[in-house]
Structure formats: C-alpha cells, structure tokens
C-alpha cells in the first residue's frame, strides 16, 4: 500500500519561496501567473496494514514529523 501526503502552507501564512518563484516566472515571460505557493509531496510505502490502519499511522507521522501543523495543512491519499 502507498500513502501520498500533500503538505501546504495554511492560508494567510507568507510563502517567500512561492513569491520568489512567481516573480521569476513573470520575469521569464509567464505573465499569466498571478499567484504561486510551494508545498511538499511525500510518498510512503506501507507494509502489512489495512487501509484504515495505514491512514491512521500516516496521520500520526504527519502530526509528529512530516508537517508543522502550526503553519501547514496536510492531506493524505491511500492508494
């Protein structure tokens, strides 16, 4: 089983890296870019767990290490 975890900054949290990339794209001629935010994508291979247990364990991982829940949100997909 595989878990896909998407970590993004919460709305209202400044994203200087995203701002820098958006500015660089505009400088390169991509004028249609009006906003950009940078996040993380994490794939986790899980062994021997049911989908429900796997999701629970990955949630624990996110809360303890993978996401800074003060400034970041996360979303989990189990496939």
Protein backbone atom coordinates (compact mmCIF):
# COMPACT_ATOMS: atom_id res chain seq x y z
CA UNK A 1 0.00 0.00 0.00
CA UNK A 2 1.18 3.53 -0.71
CA UNK A 3 0.32 6.77 1.05
CA UNK A 4 0.57 10.10 -0.72
CA UNK A 5 0.90 13.11 1.57
CA UNK A 6 0.46 16.68 0.34
CA UNK A 7 1.74 19.38 2.72
CA UNK A 8 0.88 23.03 2.05
CA UNK A 9 1.15 26.26 3.94
CA UNK A 10 -2.04 27.37 5.63
CA UNK A 11 -3.91 30.28 4.08
CA UNK A 12 -2.58 33.54 5.41
CA UNK A 13 0.94 32.20 6.03
CA UNK A 14 3.51 34.07 3.95
CA UNK A 15 5.31 31.98 1.32
CA UNK A 16 8.55 33.78 0.36
CA UNK A 17 9.75 30.84 -1.75
CA UNK A 18 6.49 30.80 -3.71
CA UNK A 19 6.68 34.57 -4.18
CA UNK A 20 10.26 34.30 -5.50
CA UNK A 21 9.31 31.56 -7.97
CA UNK A 22 6.24 33.51 -9.14
CA UNK A 23 8.40 36.59 -9.70
CA UNK A 24 10.98 34.54 -11.61
CA UNK A 25 8.27 33.07 -13.86
CA UNK A 26 6.90 36.53 -14.56
CA UNK A 27 10.41 37.74 -15.46
CA UNK A 28 10.69 34.78 -17.85
CA UNK A 29 7.56 35.95 -19.67
CA UNK A 30 4.87 33.90 -17.93
CA UNK A 31 2.65 36.89 -17.22
CA UNK A 32 -0.43 34.73 -16.62
CA UNK A 33 0.92 33.54 -13.24
CA UNK A 34 -0.96 35.58 -10.63
CA UNK A 35 -0.03 33.56 -7.56
CA UNK A 36 2.04 30.55 -6.62
CA UNK A 37 2.60 28.62 -3.39
CA UNK A 38 5.20 25.95 -2.75
CA UNK A 39 4.43 22.76 -0.85
CA UNK A 40 5.75 19.25 -0.29
CA UNK A 41 4.73 15.89 -1.72
CA UNK A 42 5.70 12.75 0.20
CA UNK A 43 5.17 9.11 -0.85
CA UNK A 44 5.27 6.43 1.83
CA UNK A 45 5.28 2.69 1.14
CA UNK A 46 3.34 0.89 3.88
CA UNK A 47 3.68 -2.78 4.70
CA UNK A 48 1.07 -5.07 6.21
CA UNK A 49 -1.55 -2.54 7.27
CA UNK A 50 -5.22 -2.23 6.45
CA UNK A 51 -6.22 0.96 4.66
CA UNK A 52 -7.81 2.32 7.84
CA UNK A 53 -4.77 1.47 9.99
CA UNK A 54 -2.39 2.79 7.34
CA UNK A 55 -4.20 6.10 7.20
CA UNK A 56 -4.17 6.36 10.99
CA UNK A 57 -0.41 5.69 11.15
CA UNK A 58 0.36 8.19 8.38
CA UNK A 59 -1.74 10.81 10.19
CA UNK A 60 0.39 10.21 13.29
CA UNK A 61 3.55 10.62 11.16
CA UNK A 62 2.26 13.92 9.80
CA UNK A 63 1.34 15.23 13.23
CA UNK A 64 4.70 14.24 14.74
CA UNK A 65 7.20 14.92 11.93
CA UNK A 66 6.10 15.41 8.34
CA UNK A 67 4.07 18.62 8.75
CA UNK A 68 4.44 21.62 11.01
CA UNK A 69 0.76 21.82 11.93
CA UNK A 70 1.15 25.35 13.29
CA UNK A 71 1.71 26.75 9.78
CA UNK A 72 1.00 23.81 7.45
CA UNK A 73 -2.00 21.72 6.41
CA UNK A 74 -1.74 18.20 5.05
CA UNK A 75 -3.88 15.84 3.02
CA UNK A 76 -3.44 12.04 2.84
CA UNK A 77 -4.38 9.69 -0.01
CA UNK A 78 -4.06 5.93 0.45
CA UNK A 79 -3.66 4.01 -2.82
